[in-house]
């Protein structure tokens, strides 16, 4: 099946897929069968996703390290970059944009 081309909806270009999905969404709303999340449902879904992703300790470690490096180099979005004189000393032998190896 290596040479098989995608057919149907999957084989359409993204603009055509988007147009069909848009029409389906409008029809469902007009018919009254479209589901709209309540605040409680959205909160529960977000909590469920957060619990699921936080169980991957390696992933959480990577994103935490990236966030720490980002704030350390002054890209926190609070008034622009931090002046060089205010930056902590870079990690020895690693440069500013690399995390230490555990």
C-alpha atoms as a PDB file:
ATOM      1  CA  UNK A   1       0.000   0.000   0.000  1.00  0.00           C
ATOM      2  CA  UNK A   2       3.035   2.286  -0.214  1.00  0.00           C
ATOM      3  CA  UNK A   3       2.033   3.735  -3.601  1.00  0.00           C
ATOM      4  CA  UNK A   4      -1.609   4.360  -2.698  1.00  0.00           C
ATOM      5  CA  UNK A   5      -2.843   7.929  -2.948  1.00  0.00           C
ATOM      6  CA  UNK A   6      -5.201   9.407  -0.412  1.00  0.00           C
ATOM      7  CA  UNK A   7      -8.753   9.676  -1.652  1.00  0.00           C
ATOM      8  CA  UNK A   8     -11.951  11.262  -0.447  1.00  0.00           C
ATOM      9  CA  UNK A   9     -11.819  13.943   2.238  1.00  0.00           C
ATOM     10  CA  UNK A  10      -8.177  13.198   3.122  1.00  0.00           C
ATOM     11  CA  UNK A  11      -7.123  13.678  -0.493  1.00  0.00           C
ATOM     12  CA  UNK A  12      -8.671  17.133  -0.838  1.00  0.00           C
ATOM     13  CA  UNK A  13      -6.657  20.287  -0.439  1.00  0.00           C
ATOM     14  CA  UNK A  14      -6.986  22.034   2.914  1.00  0.00           C
ATOM     15  CA  UNK A  15      -9.130  24.897   1.565  1.00  0.00           C
ATOM     16  CA  UNK A  16     -11.723  22.438   0.223  1.00  0.00           C
ATOM     17  CA  UNK A  17     -11.713  20.501   3.536  1.00  0.00           C
ATOM     18  CA  UNK A  18     -12.170  23.734   5.486  1.00  0.00           C
ATOM     19  CA  UNK A  19     -15.110  24.789   3.277  1.00  0.00           C
ATOM     20  CA  UNK A  20     -16.884  21.436   3.760  1.00  0.00           C
ATOM     21  CA  UNK A  21     -16.284  21.520   7.526  1.00  0.00           C
ATOM     22  CA  UNK A  22     -17.578  25.099   7.708  1.00  0.00           C
ATOM     23  CA  UNK A  23     -20.779  24.137   5.893  1.00  0.00           C
ATOM     24  CA  UNK A  24     -21.267  21.171   8.212  1.00  0.00           C
ATOM     25  CA  UNK A  25     -20.821  23.355  11.283  1.00  0.00           C
ATOM     26  CA  UNK A  26     -23.325  25.907  10.023  1.00  0.00           C
ATOM     27  CA  UNK A  27     -25.875  23.205   9.184  1.00  0.00           C
ATOM     28  CA  UNK A  28     -25.539  21.647  12.639  1.00  0.00           C
ATOM     29  CA  UNK A  29     -26.085  25.016  14.320  1.00  0.00           C
ATOM     30  CA  UNK A  30     -29.136  25.752  12.157  1.00  0.00           C
ATOM     31  CA  UNK A  31     -30.559  22.323  12.912  1.00  0.00           C
ATOM     32  CA  UNK A  32     -29.859  22.724  16.621  1.00  0.00           C
ATOM     33  CA  UNK A  33     -27.694  19.613  16.953  1.00  0.00           C
ATOM     34  CA  UNK A  34     -24.307  21.346  17.325  1.00  0.00           C
ATOM     35  CA  UNK A  35     -22.656  20.825  20.688  1.00  0.00           C
ATOM     36  CA  UNK A  36     -21.434  23.885  22.546  1.00  0.00           C
ATOM     37  CA  UNK A  37     -19.302  23.352  25.615  1.00  0.00           C
ATOM     38  CA  UNK A  38     -20.402  24.841  28.894  1.00  0.00           C
ATOM     39  CA  UNK A  39     -17.768  26.449  31.112  1.00  0.00           C
ATOM     40  CA  UNK A  40     -17.861  23.384  33.385  1.00  0.00           C
ATOM     41  CA  UNK A  41     -17.347  20.968  30.475  1.00  0.00           C
ATOM     42  CA  UNK A  42     -14.453  23.019  29.127  1.00  0.00           C
ATOM     43  CA  UNK A  43     -12.861  23.158  32.583  1.00  0.00           C
ATOM     44  CA  UNK A  44     -13.183  19.377  33.016  1.00  0.00           C
ATOM     45  CA  UNK A  45     -11.696  18.726  29.566  1.00  0.00           C
ATOM     46  CA  UNK A  46      -8.751  21.023  30.268  1.00  0.00           C
ATOM     47  CA  UNK A  47      -8.110  19.345  33.606  1.00  0.00           C
ATOM     48  CA  UNK A  48      -8.229  15.896  32.003  1.00  0.00           C
ATOM     49  CA  UNK A  49      -5.717  16.934  29.337  1.00  0.00           C
ATOM     50  CA  UNK A  50      -3.431  18.527  31.916  1.00  0.00           C
ATOM     51  CA  UNK A  51      -3.434  15.392  34.062  1.00  0.00           C
ATOM     52  CA  UNK A  52      -2.667  13.257  31.033  1.00  0.00           C
ATOM     53  CA  UNK A  53       0.240  15.342  29.762  1.00  0.00           C
ATOM     54  CA  UNK A  54       1.752  15.903  33.206  1.00  0.00           C
ATOM     55  CA  UNK A  55       2.263  12.161  33.650  1.00  0.00           C
ATOM     56  CA  UNK A  56       5.030  12.296  31.035  1.00  0.00           C
ATOM     57  CA  UNK A  57       7.835  13.447  33.346  1.00  0.00           C
ATOM     58  CA  UNK A  58      10.423  13.725  30.556  1.00  0.00           C
ATOM     59  CA  UNK A  59       8.168  16.053  28.560  1.00  0.00           C
ATOM     60  CA  UNK A  60       7.390  18.191  31.621  1.00  0.00           C
ATOM     61  CA  UNK A  61      11.114  18.438  32.356  1.00  0.00           C
ATOM     62  CA  UNK A  62      11.847  19.580  28.790  1.00  0.00           C
ATOM     63  CA  UNK A  63       9.181  22.283  28.732  1.00  0.00           C
ATOM     64  CA  UNK A  64      10.126  23.478  32.218  1.00  0.00           C
ATOM     65  CA  UNK A  65      13.762  23.777  31.185  1.00  0.00           C
ATOM     66  CA  UNK A  66      12.782  25.642  28.007  1.00  0.00           C
ATOM     67  CA  UNK A  67      10.643  28.061  30.021  1.00  0.00           C
ATOM     68  CA  UNK A  68      13.439  28.678  32.476  1.00  0.00           C
ATOM     69  CA  UNK A  69      15.906  29.376  29.703  1.00  0.00           C
ATOM     70  CA  UNK A  70      13.428  31.663  27.977  1.00  0.00           C
ATOM     71  CA  UNK A  71      12.852  33.780  31.073  1.00  0.00           C
ATOM     72  CA  UNK A  72      16.571  33.790  31.867  1.00  0.00           C
ATOM     73  CA  UNK A  73      17.413  35.282  28.467  1.00  0.00           C
ATOM     74  CA  UNK A  74      14.832  38.040  28.830  1.00  0.00           C
ATOM     75  CA  UNK A  75      12.140  36.846  26.427  1.00  0.00           C
ATOM     76  CA  UNK A  76       9.371  36.857  29.014  1.00  0.00           C
ATOM     77  CA  UNK A  77       7.418  39.590  27.241  1.00  0.00           C
ATOM     78  CA  UNK A  78       7.556  41.987  30.179  1.00  0.00           C
ATOM     79  CA  UNK A  79       9.038  45.107  28.694  1.00  0.00           C
ATOM     80  CA  UNK A  80      11.510  43.689  26.217  1.00  0.00           C
ATOM     81  CA  UNK A  81      14.859  41.983  26.593  1.00  0.00           C
ATOM     82  CA  UNK A  82      16.783  42.150  29.826  1.00  0.00           C
ATOM     83  CA  UNK A  83      19.997  44.173  29.583  1.00  0.00           C
ATOM     84  CA  UNK A  84      23.132  42.031  29.325  1.00  0.00           C
ATOM     85  CA  UNK A  85      24.486  43.393  32.599  1.00  0.00           C
ATOM     86  CA  UNK A  86      21.435  41.997  34.461  1.00  0.00           C
ATOM     87  CA  UNK A  87      21.727  38.469  33.019  1.00  0.00           C
ATOM     88  CA  UNK A  88      23.102  35.779  35.306  1.00  0.00           C
ATOM     89  CA  UNK A  89      26.426  34.236  34.355  1.00  0.00           C
ATOM     90  CA  UNK A  90      26.047  31.769  31.456  1.00  0.00           C
ATOM     91  CA  UNK A  91      26.517  28.118  32.253  1.00  0.00           C
ATOM     92  CA  UNK A  92      30.189  27.183  31.948  1.00  0.00           C
ATOM     93  CA  UNK A  93      31.010  25.580  28.619  1.00  0.00           C
ATOM     94  CA  UNK A  94      27.403  25.457  27.404  1.00  0.00           C
ATOM     95  CA  UNK A  95      26.576  28.964  26.190  1.00  0.00           C
ATOM     96  CA  UNK A  96      23.445  30.907  27.043  1.00  0.00           C
ATOM     97  CA  UNK A  97      20.910  28.891  25.071  1.00  0.00           C
ATOM     98  CA  UNK A  98      21.705  25.401  26.310  1.00  0.00           C
ATOM     99  CA  UNK A  99      20.505  23.641  29.402  1.00  0.00           C
ATOM    100  CA  UNK A 100      22.923  21.728  31.603  1.00  0.00           C
ATOM    101  CA  UNK A 101      22.985  17.989  31.194  1.00  0.00           C
ATOM    102  CA  UNK A 102      21.698  16.149  34.273  1.00  0.00           C
END
